[in-house]
Amino acid sequence: MRLVITVVGKDRVGIVSDIASICKDLNVNIMDITQKVFDDMFAMVMLAQMTEKSAPFEEIEDKLDKCGQKAGLKIHTMHEDIFNSMHKI
């Protein structure tokens, strides 16, 4: 299963590293990242892949959410299928 992870907040050193570290710890493979800094605002969309060795979705979502709360970021994690359903024309 693939995940779409979005991150928005005030830019600082280490945001990508923090998210990547959580993904590594939970056996989630990062497939693609796009990011942009607008003045001091950071925005990132990440496509990641879960496997049979990955932590359950709920644990991934919870750990990323807690990381965001601690760092003052909004991190949203969703299944790719839900993302695609929301954006069909």
PDB file of N, CA and C in Angstrom:
ATOM      1  N   MET A   1       0.838  -1.167   0.000  1.00  0.00           N
ATOM      2  CA  MET A   1       0.000   0.000   0.000  1.00  0.00           C
ATOM      3  C   MET A   1       0.890   1.241   0.000  1.00  0.00           C
ATOM      4  N   ARG A   2       0.464   2.238  -0.755  1.00  0.00           N
ATOM      5  CA  ARG A   2       1.204   3.494  -0.805  1.00  0.00           C
ATOM      6  C   ARG A   2       0.494   4.534   0.053  1.00  0.00           C
ATOM      7  N   LEU A   3       1.298   5.454   0.574  1.00  0.00           N
ATOM      8  CA  LEU A   3       0.805   6.526   1.429  1.00  0.00           C
ATOM      9  C   LEU A   3       1.160   7.870   0.823  1.00  0.00           C
ATOM     10  N   VAL A   4       0.322   8.859   1.064  1.00  0.00           N
ATOM     11  CA  VAL A   4       0.621  10.246   0.723  1.00  0.00           C
ATOM     12  C   VAL A   4       0.751  10.978   2.051  1.00  0.00           C
ATOM     13  N   ILE A   5       1.929  11.552   2.282  1.00  0.00           N
ATOM     14  CA  ILE A   5       2.214  12.264   3.525  1.00  0.00           C
ATOM     15  C   ILE A   5       2.458  13.728   3.173  1.00  0.00           C
ATOM     16  N   THR A   6       1.690  14.631   3.777  1.00  0.00           N
ATOM     17  CA  THR A   6       1.890  16.054   3.542  1.00  0.00           C
ATOM     18  C   THR A   6       2.374  16.707   4.837  1.00  0.00           C
ATOM     19  N   VAL A   7       3.269  17.670   4.679  1.00  0.00           N
ATOM     20  CA  VAL A   7       3.848  18.380   5.822  1.00  0.00           C
ATOM     21  C   VAL A   7       3.831  19.869   5.505  1.00  0.00           C
ATOM     22  N   VAL A   8       3.315  20.667   6.439  1.00  0.00           N
ATOM     23  CA  VAL A   8       3.268  22.112   6.271  1.00  0.00           C
ATOM     24  C   VAL A   8       3.623  22.758   7.606  1.00  0.00           C
ATOM     25  N   GLY A   9       4.433  23.798   7.554  1.00  0.00           N
ATOM     26  CA  GLY A   9       4.760  24.521   8.781  1.00  0.00           C
ATOM     27  C   GLY A   9       5.905  25.487   8.574  1.00  0.00           C
ATOM     28  N   LYS A  10       6.346  26.073   9.658  1.00  0.00           N
ATOM     29  CA  LYS A  10       7.460  27.017   9.622  1.00  0.00           C
ATOM     30  C   LYS A  10       8.734  26.244   9.304  1.00  0.00           C
ATOM     31  N   ASP A  11       9.506  26.753   8.362  1.00  0.00           N
ATOM     32  CA  ASP A  11      10.726  26.077   7.938  1.00  0.00           C
ATOM     33  C   ASP A  11      11.762  26.070   9.062  1.00  0.00           C
ATOM     34  N   ARG A  12      12.480  24.954   9.150  1.00  0.00           N
ATOM     35  CA  ARG A  12      13.592  24.827  10.084  1.00  0.00           C
ATOM     36  C   ARG A  12      14.493  23.707   9.584  1.00  0.00           C
ATOM     37  N   VAL A  13      15.673  23.631  10.107  1.00  0.00           N
ATOM     38  CA  VAL A  13      16.615  22.569   9.749  1.00  0.00           C
ATOM     39  C   VAL A  13      16.109  21.237  10.296  1.00  0.00           C
ATOM     40  N   GLY A  14      16.146  20.183   9.462  1.00  0.00           N
ATOM     41  CA  GLY A  14      15.880  18.831   9.933  1.00  0.00           C
ATOM     42  C   GLY A  14      14.489  18.280   9.726  1.00  0.00           C
ATOM     43  N   ILE A  15      13.593  19.020   9.084  1.00  0.00           N
ATOM     44  CA  ILE A  15      12.229  18.518   8.907  1.00  0.00           C
ATOM     45  C   ILE A  15      12.236  17.224   8.090  1.00  0.00           C
ATOM     46  N   VAL A  16      12.884  17.249   6.939  1.00  0.00           N
ATOM     47  CA  VAL A  16      12.906  16.059   6.075  1.00  0.00           C
ATOM     48  C   VAL A  16      13.586  14.899   6.804  1.00  0.00           C
ATOM     49  N   SER A  17      14.657  15.191   7.502  1.00  0.00           N
ATOM     50  CA  SER A  17      15.377  14.168   8.258  1.00  0.00           C
ATOM     51  C   SER A  17      14.486  13.534   9.326  1.00  0.00           C
ATOM     52  N   ASP A  18      13.723  14.338  10.044  1.00  0.00           N
ATOM     53  CA  ASP A  18      12.831  13.808  11.085  1.00  0.00           C
ATOM     54  C   ASP A  18      11.786  12.866  10.495  1.00  0.00           C
ATOM     55  N   ILE A  19      11.166  13.261   9.398  1.00  0.00           N
ATOM     56  CA  ILE A  19      10.135  12.438   8.760  1.00  0.00           C
ATOM     57  C   ILE A  19      10.768  11.164   8.207  1.00  0.00           C
ATOM     58  N   ALA A  20      11.920  11.294   7.540  1.00  0.00           N
ATOM     59  CA  ALA A  20      12.600  10.129   6.968  1.00  0.00           C
ATOM     60  C   ALA A  20      13.014   9.140   8.059  1.00  0.00           C
ATOM     61  N   SER A  21      13.433   9.641   9.205  1.00  0.00           N
ATOM     62  CA  SER A  21      13.835   8.785  10.313  1.00  0.00           C
ATOM     63  C   SER A  21      12.661   7.961  10.836  1.00  0.00           C
ATOM     64  N   ILE A  22      11.506   8.594  10.956  1.00  0.00           N
ATOM     65  CA  ILE A  22      10.306   7.868  11.387  1.00  0.00           C
ATOM     66  C   ILE A  22       9.946   6.804  10.370  1.00  0.00           C
ATOM     67  N   CYS A  23       9.990   7.156   9.094  1.00  0.00           N
ATOM     68  CA  CYS A  23       9.687   6.173   8.038  1.00  0.00           C
ATOM     69  C   CYS A  23      10.647   4.990   8.123  1.00  0.00           C
ATOM     70  N   LYS A  24      11.930   5.257   8.307  1.00  0.00           N
ATOM     71  CA  LYS A  24      12.918   4.182   8.410  1.00  0.00           C
ATOM     72  C   LYS A  24      12.611   3.286   9.602  1.00  0.00           C
ATOM     73  N   ASP A  25      12.343   3.892  10.751  1.00  0.00           N
ATOM     74  CA  ASP A  25      12.068   3.118  11.970  1.00  0.00           C
ATOM     75  C   ASP A  25      10.835   2.236  11.837  1.00  0.00           C
ATOM     76  N   LEU A  26       9.870   2.653  11.009  1.00  0.00           N
ATOM     77  CA  LEU A  26       8.618   1.910  10.843  1.00  0.00           C
ATOM     78  C   LEU A  26       8.594   1.081   9.556  1.00  0.00           C
ATOM     79  N   ASN A  27       9.753   0.966   8.894  1.00  0.00           N
ATOM     80  CA  ASN A  27       9.901   0.182   7.660  1.00  0.00           C
ATOM     81  C   ASN A  27       8.985   0.666   6.539  1.00  0.00           C
ATOM     82  N   VAL A  28       8.939   1.972   6.371  1.00  0.00           N
ATOM     83  CA  VAL A  28       8.178   2.597   5.290  1.00  0.00           C
ATOM     84  C   VAL A  28       9.188   3.156   4.301  1.00  0.00           C
ATOM     85  N   ASN A  29       9.063   2.763   3.030  1.00  0.00           N
ATOM     86  CA  ASN A  29       9.999   3.185   1.994  1.00  0.00           C
ATOM     87  C   ASN A  29       9.534   4.492   1.353  1.00  0.00           C
ATOM     88  N   ILE A  30      10.408   5.491   1.349  1.00  0.00           N
ATOM     89  CA  ILE A  30      10.103   6.766   0.694  1.00  0.00           C
ATOM     90  C   ILE A  30      10.375   6.608  -0.796  1.00  0.00           C
ATOM     91  N   MET A  31       9.342   6.825  -1.604  1.00  0.00           N
ATOM     92  CA  MET A  31       9.457   6.652  -3.046  1.00  0.00           C
ATOM     93  C   MET A  31       9.719   7.967  -3.771  1.00  0.00           C
ATOM     94  N   ASP A  32       9.114   9.047  -3.289  1.00  0.00           N
ATOM     95  CA  ASP A  32       9.265  10.341  -3.960  1.00  0.00           C
ATOM     96  C   ASP A  32       8.963  11.451  -2.964  1.00  0.00           C
ATOM     97  N   ILE A  33       9.656  12.557  -3.131  1.00  0.00           N
ATOM     98  CA  ILE A  33       9.437  13.734  -2.283  1.00  0.00           C
ATOM     99  C   ILE A  33       9.448  14.974  -3.174  1.00  0.00           C
ATOM    100  N   THR A  34       8.520  15.870  -2.905  1.00  0.00           N
ATOM    101  CA  THR A  34       8.590  17.204  -3.493  1.00  0.00           C
ATOM    102  C   THR A  34       8.418  18.187  -2.345  1.00  0.00           C
ATOM    103  N   GLN A  35       9.223  19.218  -2.344  1.00  0.00           N
ATOM    104  CA  GLN A  35       9.139  20.200  -1.262  1.00  0.00           C
ATOM    105  C   GLN A  35       9.407  21.600  -1.795  1.00  0.00           C
ATOM    106  N   LYS A  36       8.932  22.566  -1.040  1.00  0.00           N
ATOM    107  CA  LYS A  36       9.114  23.965  -1.423  1.00  0.00           C
ATOM    108  C   LYS A  36       9.125  24.804  -0.155  1.00  0.00           C
ATOM    109  N   VAL A  37       9.964  25.834  -0.147  1.00  0.00           N
ATOM    110  CA  VAL A  37       9.985  26.791   0.948  1.00  0.00           C
ATOM    111  C   VAL A  37       9.527  28.130   0.389  1.00  0.00           C
ATOM    112  N   PHE A  38       8.462  28.679   0.977  1.00  0.00           N
ATOM    113  CA  PHE A  38       7.919  29.976   0.601  1.00  0.00           C
ATOM    114  C   PHE A  38       8.252  30.935   1.733  1.00  0.00           C
ATOM    115  N   ASP A  39       9.234  31.819   1.510  1.00  0.00           N
ATOM    116  CA  ASP A  39       9.761  32.669   2.584  1.00  0.00           C
ATOM    117  C   ASP A  39      10.183  31.763   3.737  1.00  0.00           C
ATOM    118  N   ASP A  40       9.413  31.729   4.831  1.00  0.00           N
ATOM    119  CA  ASP A  40       9.780  30.863   5.950  1.00  0.00           C
ATOM    120  C   ASP A  40       8.790  29.721   6.160  1.00  0.00           C
ATOM    121  N   MET A  41       7.925  29.483   5.165  1.00  0.00           N
ATOM    122  CA  MET A  41       6.947  28.393   5.259  1.00  0.00           C
ATOM    123  C   MET A  41       7.417  27.195   4.434  1.00  0.00           C
ATOM    124  N   PHE A  42       7.382  26.007   5.049  1.00  0.00           N
ATOM    125  CA  PHE A  42       7.821  24.758   4.433  1.00  0.00           C
ATOM    126  C   PHE A  42       6.591  23.956   4.021  1.00  0.00           C
ATOM    127  N   ALA A  43       6.625  23.391   2.813  1.00  0.00           N
ATOM    128  CA  ALA A  43       5.553  22.508   2.343  1.00  0.00           C
ATOM    129  C   ALA A  43       6.190  21.311   1.649  1.00  0.00           C
ATOM    130  N   MET A  44       5.701  20.108   1.970  1.00  0.00           N
ATOM    131  CA  MET A  44       6.254  18.889   1.376  1.00  0.00           C
ATOM    132  C   MET A  44       5.137  17.880   1.144  1.00  0.00           C
ATOM    133  N   VAL A  45       5.237  17.170   0.026  1.00  0.00           N
ATOM    134  CA  VAL A  45       4.387  16.016  -0.244  1.00  0.00           C
ATOM    135  C   VAL A  45       5.312  14.845  -0.489  1.00  0.00           C
ATOM    136  N   MET A  46       5.039  13.754   0.198  1.00  0.00           N
ATOM    137  CA  MET A  46       5.877  12.562   0.110  1.00  0.00           C
ATOM    138  C   MET A  46       5.007  11.371  -0.281  1.00  0.00           C
ATOM    139  N   LEU A  47       5.492  10.576  -1.220  1.00  0.00           N
ATOM    140  CA  LEU A  47       4.849   9.316  -1.575  1.00  0.00           C
ATOM    141  C   LEU A  47       5.693   8.213  -0.955  1.00  0.00           C
ATOM    142  N   ALA A  48       5.062   7.358  -0.165  1.00  0.00           N
ATOM    143  CA  ALA A  48       5.781   6.303   0.542  1.00  0.00           C
ATOM    144  C   ALA A  48       5.085   4.966   0.327  1.00  0.00           C
ATOM    145  N   GLN A  49       5.835   3.884   0.506  1.00  0.00           N
ATOM    146  CA  GLN A  49       5.329   2.527   0.265  1.00  0.00           C
ATOM    147  C   GLN A  49       5.397   1.720   1.554  1.00  0.00           C
ATOM    148  N   MET A  50       4.275   1.147   1.942  1.00  0.00           N
ATOM    149  CA  MET A  50       4.240   0.191   3.055  1.00  0.00           C
ATOM    150  C   MET A  50       4.417  -1.210   2.490  1.00  0.00           C
ATOM    151  N   THR A  51       5.045  -2.078   3.267  1.00  0.00           N
ATOM    152  CA  THR A  51       5.175  -3.493   2.896  1.00  0.00           C
ATOM    153  C   THR A  51       4.665  -4.337   4.054  1.00  0.00           C
ATOM    154  N   GLU A  52       4.779  -5.653   3.908  1.00  0.00           N
ATOM    155  CA  GLU A  52       4.344  -6.551   4.985  1.00  0.00           C
ATOM    156  C   GLU A  52       5.199  -6.381   6.241  1.00  0.00           C
ATOM    157  N   LYS A  53       6.388  -5.786   6.119  1.00  0.00           N
ATOM    158  CA  LYS A  53       7.270  -5.558   7.264  1.00  0.00           C
ATOM    159  C   LYS A  53       7.037  -4.205   7.928  1.00  0.00           C
ATOM    160  N   SER A  54       6.210  -3.365   7.320  1.00  0.00           N
ATOM    161  CA  SER A  54       5.935  -2.033   7.865  1.00  0.00           C
ATOM    162  C   SER A  54       5.046  -2.124   9.097  1.00  0.00           C
ATOM    163  N   ALA A  55       5.152  -1.119   9.929  1.00  0.00           N
ATOM    164  CA  ALA A  55       4.238  -0.985  11.066  1.00  0.00           C
ATOM    165  C   ALA A  55       2.822  -0.779  10.524  1.00  0.00           C
ATOM    166  N   PRO A  56       1.796  -1.032  11.343  1.00  0.00           N
ATOM    167  CA  PRO A  56       0.414  -0.784  10.898  1.00  0.00           C
ATOM    168  C   PRO A  56       0.198   0.697  10.569  1.00  0.00           C
ATOM    169  N   PHE A  57      -0.729   0.958   9.652  1.00  0.00           N
ATOM    170  CA  PHE A  57      -1.019   2.326   9.217  1.00  0.00           C
ATOM    171  C   PHE A  57      -1.281   3.253  10.403  1.00  0.00           C
ATOM    172  N   GLU A  58      -2.080   2.792  11.363  1.00  0.00           N
ATOM    173  CA  GLU A  58      -2.445   3.627  12.501  1.00  0.00           C
ATOM    174  C   GLU A  58      -1.215   4.058  13.301  1.00  0.00           C
ATOM    175  N   GLU A  59      -0.232   3.173  13.433  1.00  0.00           N
ATOM    176  CA  GLU A  59       0.995   3.519  14.151  1.00  0.00           C
ATOM    177  C   GLU A  59       1.812   4.549  13.369  1.00  0.00           C
ATOM    178  N   ILE A  60       1.892   4.363  12.060  1.00  0.00           N
ATOM    179  CA  ILE A  60       2.609   5.320  11.211  1.00  0.00           C
ATOM    180  C   ILE A  60       1.964   6.691  11.319  1.00  0.00           C
ATOM    181  N   GLU A  61       0.660   6.724  11.159  1.00  0.00           N
ATOM    182  CA  GLU A  61      -0.091   7.976  11.235  1.00  0.00           C
ATOM    183  C   GLU A  61       0.112   8.650  12.598  1.00  0.00           C
ATOM    184  N   ASP A  62       0.047   7.871  13.670  1.00  0.00           N
ATOM    185  CA  ASP A  62       0.189   8.407  15.025  1.00  0.00           C
ATOM    186  C   ASP A  62       1.590   8.972  15.269  1.00  0.00           C
ATOM    187  N   LYS A  63       2.625   8.239  14.870  1.00  0.00           N
ATOM    188  CA  LYS A  63       4.006   8.707  15.096  1.00  0.00           C
ATOM    189  C   LYS A  63       4.295   9.984  14.295  1.00  0.00           C
ATOM    190  N   LEU A  64       3.816  10.039  13.056  1.00  0.00           N
ATOM    191  CA  LEU A  64       4.025  11.247  12.257  1.00  0.00           C
ATOM    192  C   LEU A  64       3.256  12.423  12.834  1.00  0.00           C
ATOM    193  N   ASP A  65       2.031  12.174  13.300  1.00  0.00           N
ATOM    194  CA  ASP A  65       1.227  13.241  13.904  1.00  0.00           C
ATOM    195  C   ASP A  65       1.904  13.785  15.159  1.00  0.00           C
ATOM    196  N   LYS A  66       2.415  12.899  16.002  1.00  0.00           N
ATOM    197  CA  LYS A  66       3.101  13.330  17.227  1.00  0.00           C
ATOM    198  C   LYS A  66       4.371  14.112  16.903  1.00  0.00           C
ATOM    199  N   CYS A  67       5.090  13.695  15.870  1.00  0.00           N
ATOM    200  CA  CYS A  67       6.278  14.426  15.428  1.00  0.00           C
ATOM    201  C   CYS A  67       5.878  15.835  15.004  1.00  0.00           C
ATOM    202  N   GLY A  68       4.796  15.943  14.257  1.00  0.00           N
ATOM    203  CA  GLY A  68       4.317  17.250  13.804  1.00  0.00           C
ATOM    204  C   GLY A  68       3.915  18.141  14.962  1.00  0.00           C
ATOM    205  N   GLN A  69       3.192  17.598  15.928  1.00  0.00           N
ATOM    206  CA  GLN A  69       2.779  18.384  17.088  1.00  0.00           C
ATOM    207  C   GLN A  69       3.984  18.911  17.852  1.00  0.00           C
ATOM    208  N   LYS A  70       4.976  18.058  18.031  1.00  0.00           N
ATOM    209  CA  LYS A  70       6.180  18.440  18.770  1.00  0.00           C
ATOM    210  C   LYS A  70       6.957  19.541  18.037  1.00  0.00           C
ATOM    211  N   ALA A  71       6.971  19.472  16.693  1.00  0.00           N
ATOM    212  CA  ALA A  71       7.767  20.405  15.885  1.00  0.00           C
ATOM    213  C   ALA A  71       6.977  21.611  15.383  1.00  0.00           C
ATOM    214  N   GLY A  72       5.690  21.689  15.719  1.00  0.00           N
ATOM    215  CA  GLY A  72       4.875  22.806  15.240  1.00  0.00           C
ATOM    216  C   GLY A  72       4.520  22.692  13.768  1.00  0.00           C
ATOM    217  N   LEU A  73       4.420  21.457  13.273  1.00  0.00           N
ATOM    218  CA  LEU A  73       4.078  21.192  11.874  1.00  0.00           C
ATOM    219  C   LEU A  73       2.724  20.518  11.791  1.00  0.00           C
ATOM    220  N   LYS A  74       2.069  20.657  10.664  1.00  0.00           N
ATOM    221  CA  LYS A  74       0.853  19.893  10.383  1.00  0.00           C
ATOM    222  C   LYS A  74       1.258  18.764   9.444  1.00  0.00           C
ATOM    223  N   ILE A  75       1.163  17.527   9.920  1.00  0.00           N
ATOM    224  CA  ILE A  75       1.504  16.363   9.104  1.00  0.00           C
ATOM    225  C   ILE A  75       0.239  15.541   8.929  1.00  0.00           C
ATOM    226  N   HIS A  76      -0.109  15.290   7.672  1.00  0.00           N
ATOM    227  CA  HIS A  76      -1.303  14.502   7.352  1.00  0.00           C
ATOM    228  C   HIS A  76      -0.881  13.274   6.553  1.00  0.00           C
ATOM    229  N   THR A  77      -1.329  12.111   7.001  1.00  0.00           N
ATOM    230  CA  THR A  77      -0.977  10.844   6.355  1.00  0.00           C
ATOM    231  C   THR A  77      -2.257  10.175   5.875  1.00  0.00           C
ATOM    232  N   MET A  78      -2.288   9.753   4.612  1.00  0.00           N
ATOM    233  CA  MET A  78      -3.478   9.051   4.102  1.00  0.00           C
ATOM    234  C   MET A  78      -3.089   7.970   3.112  1.00  0.00           C
ATOM    235  N   HIS A  79      -3.971   6.964   3.010  1.00  0.00           N
ATOM    236  CA  HIS A  79      -3.788   5.921   2.004  1.00  0.00           C
ATOM    237  C   HIS A  79      -3.881   6.561   0.620  1.00  0.00           C
ATOM    238  N   GLU A  80      -3.116   6.066  -0.298  1.00  0.00           N
ATOM    239  CA  GLU A  80      -3.156   6.587  -1.670  1.00  0.00           C
ATOM    240  C   GLU A  80      -4.551   6.460  -2.270  1.00  0.00           C
ATOM    241  N   ASP A  81      -5.260   5.369  -1.983  1.00  0.00           N
ATOM    242  CA  ASP A  81      -6.608   5.168  -2.529  1.00  0.00           C
ATOM    243  C   ASP A  81      -7.565   6.277  -2.081  1.00  0.00           C
ATOM    244  N   ILE A  82      -7.462   6.682  -0.821  1.00  0.00           N
ATOM    245  CA  ILE A  82      -8.315   7.766  -0.315  1.00  0.00           C
ATOM    246  C   ILE A  82      -7.937   9.078  -0.989  1.00  0.00           C
ATOM    247  N   PHE A  83      -6.639   9.328  -1.113  1.00  0.00           N
ATOM    248  CA  PHE A  83      -6.170  10.537  -1.795  1.00  0.00           C
ATOM    249  C   PHE A  83      -6.715  10.587  -3.217  1.00  0.00           C
ATOM    250  N   ASN A  84      -6.599   9.475  -3.955  1.00  0.00           N
ATOM    251  CA  ASN A  84      -7.080   9.428  -5.342  1.00  0.00           C
ATOM    252  C   ASN A  84      -8.583   9.622  -5.410  1.00  0.00           C
ATOM    253  N   SER A  85      -9.333   9.019  -4.496  1.00  0.00           N
ATOM    254  CA  SER A  85     -10.789   9.169  -4.486  1.00  0.00           C
ATOM    255  C   SER A  85     -11.204  10.611  -4.246  1.00  0.00           C
ATOM    256  N   MET A  86     -10.472  11.299  -3.379  1.00  0.00           N
ATOM    257  CA  MET A  86     -10.789  12.687  -3.067  1.00  0.00           C
ATOM    258  C   MET A  86     -10.518  13.620  -4.232  1.00  0.00           C
ATOM    259  N   HIS A  87      -9.632  13.235  -5.151  1.00  0.00           N
ATOM    260  CA  HIS A  87      -9.204  14.144  -6.193  1.00  0.00           C
ATOM    261  C   HIS A  87      -9.597  13.711  -7.609  1.00  0.00           C
ATOM    262  N   LYS A  88     -10.584  12.822  -7.693  1.00  0.00           N
ATOM    263  CA  LYS A  88     -11.087  12.442  -9.022  1.00  0.00           C
ATOM    264  C   LYS A  88     -12.027  13.512  -9.536  1.00  0.00           C
ATOM    265  N   ILE A  89     -11.946  13.740 -10.823  1.00  0.00           N
ATOM    266  CA  ILE A  89     -12.824  14.742 -11.454  1.00  0.00           C
ATOM    267  C   ILE A  89     -14.030  14.043 -12.021  1.00  0.00           C
TER     268      ILE A  89
END
